[in-house]
């Protein structure tokens, strides 16, 4: 009962904050450049994630930040596990560089939230038109990575249940090969606190693990995605061993997660 009440309060908190913030983004899009507008939107996402922490007790801890590109001119394709809404909100807050999400265009029609997204330099696609969708991803992905910004994709395509793996599609690694950019695999277990298709948030700690960059030069998209999938799914068994059957062990060598991020 308490979880349901706190979750309801969190949803109301999101609605109350996104309406003025989304309106402000739409208005400011007339005056700000794309980078300034991005960080303005990231500000609301920070408010949302901290709201989940303060209202629902959802903490987080991150390791592997040193695996991200340090050269401001170096781009990358980030490929992440996808279990809930939490990571889509959290990554712009956690990452030091602007991210360009690849997402279905229907999201831009969500009042206030979607309207703000539509003003950002991101890649929204029509999934029903696969050929056109890929051409758009390739063209805009090349332009965005050439600017030094990072593209982020969820190779499983949709949110998957805790302890499960979806089909890893090679769109992200195909983009990496075509642009010559490295990929950065990311494992995370947000379903521990925020299960997919649910707005019931449970108190706990979400672990995010950022893997080493994997070069794309001389690789095929399928080969590269195989490496990404192996790293992510192995690391998932380190982050959330309780979600996987006994005997399903990986070969990850990660150290135990650090303490939760401080407020």
C-alpha atoms as a PDB file:
ATOM      1  CA  UNK A   1       0.000   0.000   0.000  1.00  0.00           C
ATOM      2  CA  UNK A   2       2.786   2.420   0.894  1.00  0.00           C
ATOM      3  CA  UNK A   3       4.590   1.630  -2.368  1.00  0.00           C
ATOM      4  CA  UNK A   4       1.429   2.391  -4.330  1.00  0.00           C
ATOM      5  CA  UNK A   5       0.891   5.702  -2.507  1.00  0.00           C
ATOM      6  CA  UNK A   6       4.504   6.804  -2.988  1.00  0.00           C
ATOM      7  CA  UNK A   7       4.376   5.789  -6.658  1.00  0.00           C
ATOM      8  CA  UNK A   8       1.177   7.784  -7.171  1.00  0.00           C
ATOM      9  CA  UNK A   9       2.784  10.796  -5.531  1.00  0.00           C
ATOM     10  CA  UNK A  10       5.775  10.403  -7.855  1.00  0.00           C
ATOM     11  CA  UNK A  11       3.556  10.297 -10.961  1.00  0.00           C
ATOM     12  CA  UNK A  12       1.766  13.452  -9.795  1.00  0.00           C
ATOM     13  CA  UNK A  13       5.161  15.042  -9.185  1.00  0.00           C
ATOM     14  CA  UNK A  14       6.182  14.258 -12.771  1.00  0.00           C
ATOM     15  CA  UNK A  15       3.000  15.773 -14.166  1.00  0.00           C
ATOM     16  CA  UNK A  16       3.234  18.924 -12.069  1.00  0.00           C
ATOM     17  CA  UNK A  17       6.861  19.535 -13.040  1.00  0.00           C
ATOM     18  CA  UNK A  18       6.782  18.539 -16.724  1.00  0.00           C
ATOM     19  CA  UNK A  19       3.973  20.920 -17.716  1.00  0.00           C
ATOM     20  CA  UNK A  20       5.806  24.204 -16.965  1.00  0.00           C
ATOM     21  CA  UNK A  21       9.197  22.741 -17.905  1.00  0.00           C
ATOM     22  CA  UNK A  22       7.992  21.376 -21.245  1.00  0.00           C
ATOM     23  CA  UNK A  23       6.249  24.665 -22.011  1.00  0.00           C
ATOM     24  CA  UNK A  24       9.425  26.585 -21.214  1.00  0.00           C
ATOM     25  CA  UNK A  25      11.473  24.323 -23.508  1.00  0.00           C
ATOM     26  CA  UNK A  26       9.102  24.905 -26.412  1.00  0.00           C
ATOM     27  CA  UNK A  27       9.266  28.671 -25.902  1.00  0.00           C
ATOM     28  CA  UNK A  28      13.040  28.733 -25.370  1.00  0.00           C
ATOM     29  CA  UNK A  29      13.599  26.642 -28.500  1.00  0.00           C
ATOM     30  CA  UNK A  30      13.039  29.878 -30.401  1.00  0.00           C
ATOM     31  CA  UNK A  31      16.140  31.402 -28.815  1.00  0.00           C
ATOM     32  CA  UNK A  32      18.521  28.668 -27.621  1.00  0.00           C
ATOM     33  CA  UNK A  33      20.842  26.484 -29.686  1.00  0.00           C
ATOM     34  CA  UNK A  34      20.464  22.700 -29.674  1.00  0.00           C
ATOM     35  CA  UNK A  35      23.094  22.096 -26.979  1.00  0.00           C
ATOM     36  CA  UNK A  36      21.615  24.659 -24.601  1.00  0.00           C
ATOM     37  CA  UNK A  37      18.156  23.219 -25.179  1.00  0.00           C
ATOM     38  CA  UNK A  38      19.429  19.702 -24.519  1.00  0.00           C
ATOM     39  CA  UNK A  39      20.841  20.620 -21.121  1.00  0.00           C
ATOM     40  CA  UNK A  40      17.643  22.463 -20.292  1.00  0.00           C
ATOM     41  CA  UNK A  41      15.681  19.254 -20.926  1.00  0.00           C
ATOM     42  CA  UNK A  42      18.274  17.228 -19.028  1.00  0.00           C
ATOM     43  CA  UNK A  43      17.525  19.500 -16.072  1.00  0.00           C
ATOM     44  CA  UNK A  44      13.961  18.186 -15.890  1.00  0.00           C
ATOM     45  CA  UNK A  45      15.173  14.599 -16.182  1.00  0.00           C
ATOM     46  CA  UNK A  46      17.460  15.262 -13.229  1.00  0.00           C
ATOM     47  CA  UNK A  47      14.447  16.574 -11.309  1.00  0.00           C
ATOM     48  CA  UNK A  48      12.539  13.401 -12.231  1.00  0.00           C
ATOM     49  CA  UNK A  49      15.303  11.005 -11.154  1.00  0.00           C
ATOM     50  CA  UNK A  50      15.881  12.814  -7.886  1.00  0.00           C
ATOM     51  CA  UNK A  51      12.134  12.793  -7.331  1.00  0.00           C
ATOM     52  CA  UNK A  52      12.172   9.006  -7.663  1.00  0.00           C
ATOM     53  CA  UNK A  53      14.951   8.906  -5.087  1.00  0.00           C
ATOM     54  CA  UNK A  54      13.354  11.231  -2.544  1.00  0.00           C
ATOM     55  CA  UNK A  55       9.751  10.050  -2.944  1.00  0.00           C
ATOM     56  CA  UNK A  56      10.157   6.349  -3.738  1.00  0.00           C
ATOM     57  CA  UNK A  57      13.609   5.523  -2.365  1.00  0.00           C
ATOM     58  CA  UNK A  58      15.135   4.649  -5.761  1.00  0.00           C
ATOM     59  CA  UNK A  59      18.894   5.143  -5.437  1.00  0.00           C
ATOM     60  CA  UNK A  60      21.597   4.419  -8.016  1.00  0.00           C
ATOM     61  CA  UNK A  61      25.290   3.735  -8.303  1.00  0.00           C
ATOM     62  CA  UNK A  62      27.466   3.829 -11.383  1.00  0.00           C
ATOM     63  CA  UNK A  63      30.798   2.308 -12.252  1.00  0.00           C
ATOM     64  CA  UNK A  64      32.912   2.433 -15.391  1.00  0.00           C
ATOM     65  CA  UNK A  65      32.618   6.171 -16.091  1.00  0.00           C
ATOM     66  CA  UNK A  66      36.296   6.076 -17.001  1.00  0.00           C
ATOM     67  CA  UNK A  67      35.384   3.816 -19.945  1.00  0.00           C
ATOM     68  CA  UNK A  68      33.602   6.693 -21.671  1.00  0.00           C
ATOM     69  CA  UNK A  69      35.501   8.743 -24.278  1.00  0.00           C
ATOM     70  CA  UNK A  70      37.512  11.518 -22.634  1.00  0.00           C
ATOM     71  CA  UNK A  71      38.454  13.315 -25.851  1.00  0.00           C
ATOM     72  CA  UNK A  72      35.771  15.966 -26.518  1.00  0.00           C
ATOM     73  CA  UNK A  73      36.074  15.249 -30.243  1.00  0.00           C
ATOM     74  CA  UNK A  74      35.585  11.499 -29.814  1.00  0.00           C
ATOM     75  CA  UNK A  75      32.079  10.244 -30.383  1.00  0.00           C
ATOM     76  CA  UNK A  76      30.645   6.830 -29.543  1.00  0.00           C
ATOM     77  CA  UNK A  77      27.571   4.672 -29.916  1.00  0.00           C
ATOM     78  CA  UNK A  78      26.196   3.743 -26.494  1.00  0.00           C
ATOM     79  CA  UNK A  79      24.297   0.431 -26.443  1.00  0.00           C
ATOM     80  CA  UNK A  80      22.381  -0.247 -23.249  1.00  0.00           C
ATOM     81  CA  UNK A  81      20.287  -2.900 -21.579  1.00  0.00           C
ATOM     82  CA  UNK A  82      16.680  -1.702 -21.383  1.00  0.00           C
ATOM     83  CA  UNK A  83      14.377  -2.684 -18.510  1.00  0.00           C
ATOM     84  CA  UNK A  84      12.326   0.385 -17.592  1.00  0.00           C
ATOM     85  CA  UNK A  85      11.713   4.092 -18.007  1.00  0.00           C
ATOM     86  CA  UNK A  86      14.341   4.886 -15.373  1.00  0.00           C
ATOM     87  CA  UNK A  87      17.387   4.598 -17.652  1.00  0.00           C
ATOM     88  CA  UNK A  88      15.851   6.713 -20.413  1.00  0.00           C
ATOM     89  CA  UNK A  89      15.462   9.485 -17.834  1.00  0.00           C
ATOM     90  CA  UNK A  90      18.760   8.873 -16.050  1.00  0.00           C
ATOM     91  CA  UNK A  91      21.320   8.701 -18.850  1.00  0.00           C
ATOM     92  CA  UNK A  92      21.199  12.400 -19.823  1.00  0.00           C
ATOM     93  CA  UNK A  93      21.768  13.191 -16.142  1.00  0.00           C
ATOM     94  CA  UNK A  94      24.628  10.704 -15.774  1.00  0.00           C
ATOM     95  CA  UNK A  95      26.482  11.265 -19.049  1.00  0.00           C
ATOM     96  CA  UNK A  96      28.830  14.240 -19.472  1.00  0.00           C
ATOM     97  CA  UNK A  97      28.024  14.792 -23.158  1.00  0.00           C
ATOM     98  CA  UNK A  98      24.795  15.370 -25.098  1.00  0.00           C
ATOM     99  CA  UNK A  99      23.071  12.151 -26.111  1.00  0.00           C
ATOM    100  CA  UNK A 100      20.995  11.610 -29.233  1.00  0.00           C
ATOM    101  CA  UNK A 101      18.368   8.964 -28.612  1.00  0.00           C
ATOM    102  CA  UNK A 102      16.926   6.833 -31.401  1.00  0.00           C
ATOM    103  CA  UNK A 103      13.234   6.467 -30.556  1.00  0.00           C
ATOM    104  CA  UNK A 104       9.831   5.851 -32.121  1.00  0.00           C
ATOM    105  CA  UNK A 105       8.271   9.058 -33.358  1.00  0.00           C
ATOM    106  CA  UNK A 106       4.972   8.439 -31.526  1.00  0.00           C
ATOM    107  CA  UNK A 107       6.657   9.730 -28.377  1.00  0.00           C
ATOM    108  CA  UNK A 108       6.818  13.282 -29.715  1.00  0.00           C
ATOM    109  CA  UNK A 109       3.018  13.487 -29.545  1.00  0.00           C
ATOM    110  CA  UNK A 110       2.957  13.078 -25.755  1.00  0.00           C
ATOM    111  CA  UNK A 111       1.852  16.480 -24.371  1.00  0.00           C
ATOM    112  CA  UNK A 112       4.655  18.647 -22.965  1.00  0.00           C
ATOM    113  CA  UNK A 113       7.205  15.809 -22.631  1.00  0.00           C
ATOM    114  CA  UNK A 114       7.022  14.810 -26.287  1.00  0.00           C
ATOM    115  CA  UNK A 115       6.741  18.375 -27.482  1.00  0.00           C
ATOM    116  CA  UNK A 116      10.014  19.163 -25.740  1.00  0.00           C
ATOM    117  CA  UNK A 117      11.672  16.041 -27.212  1.00  0.00           C
ATOM    118  CA  UNK A 118      10.617  17.111 -30.685  1.00  0.00           C
ATOM    119  CA  UNK A 119      12.697  20.284 -30.301  1.00  0.00           C
ATOM    120  CA  UNK A 120      15.897  18.342 -29.586  1.00  0.00           C
ATOM    121  CA  UNK A 121      18.479  17.093 -32.063  1.00  0.00           C
ATOM    122  CA  UNK A 122      17.518  13.436 -31.776  1.00  0.00           C
ATOM    123  CA  UNK A 123      16.512  10.670 -34.170  1.00  0.00           C
ATOM    124  CA  UNK A 124      12.818   9.807 -34.149  1.00  0.00           C
ATOM    125  CA  UNK A 125      11.800   7.101 -36.596  1.00  0.00           C
ATOM    126  CA  UNK A 126       8.719   5.425 -38.019  1.00  0.00           C
ATOM    127  CA  UNK A 127       9.216   1.769 -37.158  1.00  0.00           C
ATOM    128  CA  UNK A 128       6.630   0.697 -39.726  1.00  0.00           C
ATOM    129  CA  UNK A 129       8.929   1.917 -42.515  1.00  0.00           C
ATOM    130  CA  UNK A 130      12.130   0.019 -41.798  1.00  0.00           C
ATOM    131  CA  UNK A 131      14.103   1.076 -44.851  1.00  0.00           C
ATOM    132  CA  UNK A 132      13.290   4.750 -44.378  1.00  0.00           C
ATOM    133  CA  UNK A 133      13.936   4.432 -40.639  1.00  0.00           C
ATOM    134  CA  UNK A 134      17.424   3.035 -41.157  1.00  0.00           C
ATOM    135  CA  UNK A 135      18.281   5.676 -43.768  1.00  0.00           C
ATOM    136  CA  UNK A 136      17.306   8.346 -41.250  1.00  0.00           C
ATOM    137  CA  UNK A 137      19.333   6.721 -38.470  1.00  0.00           C
ATOM    138  CA  UNK A 138      22.375   6.457 -40.754  1.00  0.00           C
ATOM    139  CA  UNK A 139      22.180  10.026 -42.086  1.00  0.00           C
ATOM    140  CA  UNK A 140      21.489  11.729 -38.775  1.00  0.00           C
ATOM    141  CA  UNK A 141      23.811   9.411 -36.883  1.00  0.00           C
ATOM    142  CA  UNK A 142      26.724  10.357 -39.135  1.00  0.00           C
ATOM    143  CA  UNK A 143      25.964  14.049 -38.669  1.00  0.00           C
ATOM    144  CA  UNK A 144      25.600  13.792 -34.889  1.00  0.00           C
ATOM    145  CA  UNK A 145      28.747  11.713 -34.354  1.00  0.00           C
ATOM    146  CA  UNK A 146      30.703  14.076 -36.602  1.00  0.00           C
ATOM    147  CA  UNK A 147      29.843  16.812 -34.092  1.00  0.00           C
ATOM    148  CA  UNK A 148      31.372  14.735 -31.279  1.00  0.00           C
ATOM    149  CA  UNK A 149      28.036  13.953 -29.641  1.00  0.00           C
ATOM    150  CA  UNK A 150      27.030  10.438 -28.630  1.00  0.00           C
ATOM    151  CA  UNK A 151      24.206   8.327 -30.015  1.00  0.00           C
ATOM    152  CA  UNK A 152      22.437   5.987 -27.596  1.00  0.00           C
ATOM    153  CA  UNK A 153      20.351   2.996 -28.601  1.00  0.00           C
ATOM    154  CA  UNK A 154      18.694   0.050 -26.886  1.00  0.00           C
ATOM    155  CA  UNK A 155      19.606  -2.963 -29.047  1.00  0.00           C
ATOM    156  CA  UNK A 156      16.823  -5.122 -27.608  1.00  0.00           C
ATOM    157  CA  UNK A 157      14.388  -2.584 -29.058  1.00  0.00           C
ATOM    158  CA  UNK A 158      11.999  -2.572 -26.136  1.00  0.00           C
ATOM    159  CA  UNK A 159      11.977  -2.998 -22.376  1.00  0.00           C
ATOM    160  CA  UNK A 160      12.611  -6.550 -21.219  1.00  0.00           C
ATOM    161  CA  UNK A 161      11.628  -8.220 -17.968  1.00  0.00           C
ATOM    162  CA  UNK A 162      14.114  -8.673 -15.160  1.00  0.00           C
ATOM    163  CA  UNK A 163      16.290 -11.718 -15.749  1.00  0.00           C
ATOM    164  CA  UNK A 164      15.374 -11.930 -19.437  1.00  0.00           C
ATOM    165  CA  UNK A 165      17.163 -11.039 -22.670  1.00  0.00           C
ATOM    166  CA  UNK A 166      15.491  -9.736 -25.795  1.00  0.00           C
ATOM    167  CA  UNK A 167      16.704 -10.166 -29.338  1.00  0.00           C
ATOM    168  CA  UNK A 168      19.759  -7.979 -29.843  1.00  0.00           C
ATOM    169  CA  UNK A 169      19.280  -6.189 -33.169  1.00  0.00           C
ATOM    170  CA  UNK A 170      22.359  -4.943 -35.020  1.00  0.00           C
ATOM    171  CA  UNK A 171      21.167  -1.415 -35.892  1.00  0.00           C
ATOM    172  CA  UNK A 172      23.466   0.188 -33.320  1.00  0.00           C
ATOM    173  CA  UNK A 173      26.549  -1.728 -34.391  1.00  0.00           C
ATOM    174  CA  UNK A 174      25.684  -1.136 -38.041  1.00  0.00           C
ATOM    175  CA  UNK A 175      25.743   2.590 -37.318  1.00  0.00           C
ATOM    176  CA  UNK A 176      29.049   2.187 -35.465  1.00  0.00           C
ATOM    177  CA  UNK A 177      30.640   0.375 -38.412  1.00  0.00           C
ATOM    178  CA  UNK A 178      29.361   2.927 -40.940  1.00  0.00           C
ATOM    179  CA  UNK A 179      30.569   5.888 -38.879  1.00  0.00           C
ATOM    180  CA  UNK A 180      33.778   4.252 -37.645  1.00  0.00           C
ATOM    181  CA  UNK A 181      32.815   4.992 -34.035  1.00  0.00           C
ATOM    182  CA  UNK A 182      33.431   2.627 -31.097  1.00  0.00           C
ATOM    183  CA  UNK A 183      30.554   1.154 -29.135  1.00  0.00           C
ATOM    184  CA  UNK A 184      30.177   1.362 -25.376  1.00  0.00           C
ATOM    185  CA  UNK A 185      28.079  -1.442 -23.818  1.00  0.00           C
ATOM    186  CA  UNK A 186      26.053  -0.625 -20.709  1.00  0.00           C
ATOM    187  CA  UNK A 187      24.426  -3.076 -18.306  1.00  0.00           C
ATOM    188  CA  UNK A 188      21.891  -1.954 -15.735  1.00  0.00           C
ATOM    189  CA  UNK A 189      19.186  -3.520 -13.566  1.00  0.00           C
ATOM    190  CA  UNK A 190      16.524  -0.826 -13.251  1.00  0.00           C
ATOM    191  CA  UNK A 191      13.730  -3.435 -13.084  1.00  0.00           C
ATOM    192  CA  UNK A 192      14.825  -4.130  -9.509  1.00  0.00           C
ATOM    193  CA  UNK A 193      13.102  -0.863  -8.584  1.00  0.00           C
ATOM    194  CA  UNK A 194      10.979   0.037 -11.604  1.00  0.00           C
ATOM    195  CA  UNK A 195       9.606  -3.007 -13.504  1.00  0.00           C
ATOM    196  CA  UNK A 196       8.629  -2.603 -17.142  1.00  0.00           C
ATOM    197  CA  UNK A 197       5.035  -1.642 -17.919  1.00  0.00           C
ATOM    198  CA  UNK A 198       4.541  -0.489 -14.331  1.00  0.00           C
ATOM    199  CA  UNK A 199       4.519   2.749 -12.399  1.00  0.00           C
ATOM    200  CA  UNK A 200       4.965   1.020  -9.046  1.00  0.00           C
ATOM    201  CA  UNK A 201       8.442   2.030  -7.910  1.00  0.00           C
ATOM    202  CA  UNK A 202      10.079  -0.036  -5.193  1.00  0.00           C
ATOM    203  CA  UNK A 203      12.835   1.235  -2.889  1.00  0.00           C
ATOM    204  CA  UNK A 204      16.294  -0.078  -3.677  1.00  0.00           C
ATOM    205  CA  UNK A 205      19.494   0.541  -5.605  1.00  0.00           C
ATOM    206  CA  UNK A 206      19.866   0.464  -9.378  1.00  0.00           C
ATOM    207  CA  UNK A 207      23.335  -0.501 -10.599  1.00  0.00           C
ATOM    208  CA  UNK A 208      24.699   0.884 -13.870  1.00  0.00           C
ATOM    209  CA  UNK A 209      27.877  -0.641 -15.277  1.00  0.00           C
ATOM    210  CA  UNK A 210      29.614   0.969 -18.256  1.00  0.00           C
ATOM    211  CA  UNK A 211      31.840  -1.399 -20.203  1.00  0.00           C
ATOM    212  CA  UNK A 212      35.086  -0.767 -22.107  1.00  0.00           C
ATOM    213  CA  UNK A 213      34.846   0.774 -25.552  1.00  0.00           C
ATOM    214  CA  UNK A 214      34.816  -1.803 -28.349  1.00  0.00           C
ATOM    215  CA  UNK A 215      36.365  -0.587 -31.648  1.00  0.00           C
ATOM    216  CA  UNK A 216      34.231  -1.044 -34.758  1.00  0.00           C
ATOM    217  CA  UNK A 217      37.040  -0.834 -37.324  1.00  0.00           C
ATOM    218  CA  UNK A 218      37.341  -3.988 -39.393  1.00  0.00           C
ATOM    219  CA  UNK A 219      34.293  -5.598 -37.773  1.00  0.00           C
ATOM    220  CA  UNK A 220      30.933  -6.616 -39.147  1.00  0.00           C
ATOM    221  CA  UNK A 221      27.791  -5.386 -37.361  1.00  0.00           C
ATOM    222  CA  UNK A 222      26.862  -8.953 -36.404  1.00  0.00           C
ATOM    223  CA  UNK A 223      30.278  -9.710 -34.917  1.00  0.00           C
ATOM    224  CA  UNK A 224      30.293  -6.456 -33.012  1.00  0.00           C
ATOM    225  CA  UNK A 225      26.790  -6.999 -31.639  1.00  0.00           C
ATOM    226  CA  UNK A 226      27.759 -10.481 -30.489  1.00  0.00           C
ATOM    227  CA  UNK A 227      30.519  -8.932 -28.368  1.00  0.00           C
ATOM    228  CA  UNK A 228      28.124  -6.283 -27.029  1.00  0.00           C
ATOM    229  CA  UNK A 229      25.482  -8.854 -26.105  1.00  0.00           C
ATOM    230  CA  UNK A 230      28.006 -11.136 -24.430  1.00  0.00           C
ATOM    231  CA  UNK A 231      29.412  -8.326 -22.302  1.00  0.00           C
ATOM    232  CA  UNK A 232      26.016  -6.973 -21.286  1.00  0.00           C
ATOM    233  CA  UNK A 233      24.405 -10.315 -20.479  1.00  0.00           C
ATOM    234  CA  UNK A 234      27.472 -11.512 -18.578  1.00  0.00           C
ATOM    235  CA  UNK A 235      27.573  -8.293 -16.582  1.00  0.00           C
ATOM    236  CA  UNK A 236      23.850  -8.549 -15.831  1.00  0.00           C
ATOM    237  CA  UNK A 237      24.550 -11.749 -13.899  1.00  0.00           C
ATOM    238  CA  UNK A 238      27.051  -9.802 -11.806  1.00  0.00           C
ATOM    239  CA  UNK A 239      24.702  -6.886 -11.142  1.00  0.00           C
ATOM    240  CA  UNK A 240      21.564  -8.915 -10.485  1.00  0.00           C
ATOM    241  CA  UNK A 241      22.444 -12.579  -9.766  1.00  0.00           C
ATOM    242  CA  UNK A 242      19.127 -13.212  -8.019  1.00  0.00           C
ATOM    243  CA  UNK A 243      17.283 -12.694 -11.318  1.00  0.00           C
ATOM    244  CA  UNK A 244      19.035 -15.541 -13.116  1.00  0.00           C
ATOM    245  CA  UNK A 245      18.719 -19.304 -12.589  1.00  0.00           C
ATOM    246  CA  UNK A 246      21.420 -21.067 -10.598  1.00  0.00           C
ATOM    247  CA  UNK A 247      24.252 -22.187 -12.837  1.00  0.00           C
ATOM    248  CA  UNK A 248      23.826 -19.349 -15.336  1.00  0.00           C
ATOM    249  CA  UNK A 249      27.121 -17.702 -14.482  1.00  0.00           C
ATOM    250  CA  UNK A 250      29.105 -15.278 -16.572  1.00  0.00           C
ATOM    251  CA  UNK A 251      32.759 -14.443 -16.936  1.00  0.00           C
ATOM    252  CA  UNK A 252      32.631 -10.789 -15.969  1.00  0.00           C
ATOM    253  CA  UNK A 253      35.512  -9.587 -13.851  1.00  0.00           C
ATOM    254  CA  UNK A 254      33.840  -6.501 -12.467  1.00  0.00           C
ATOM    255  CA  UNK A 255      34.510  -5.445  -8.899  1.00  0.00           C
ATOM    256  CA  UNK A 256      31.620  -5.156  -6.424  1.00  0.00           C
ATOM    257  CA  UNK A 257      29.481  -2.043  -7.000  1.00  0.00           C
ATOM    258  CA  UNK A 258      30.566   1.140  -5.185  1.00  0.00           C
ATOM    259  CA  UNK A 259      28.421   2.995  -2.689  1.00  0.00           C
ATOM    260  CA  UNK A 260      25.296   4.761  -3.955  1.00  0.00           C
ATOM    261  CA  UNK A 261      25.722   8.226  -5.422  1.00  0.00           C
ATOM    262  CA  UNK A 262      25.425  10.956  -2.827  1.00  0.00           C
ATOM    263  CA  UNK A 263      22.659  13.529  -2.933  1.00  0.00           C
END
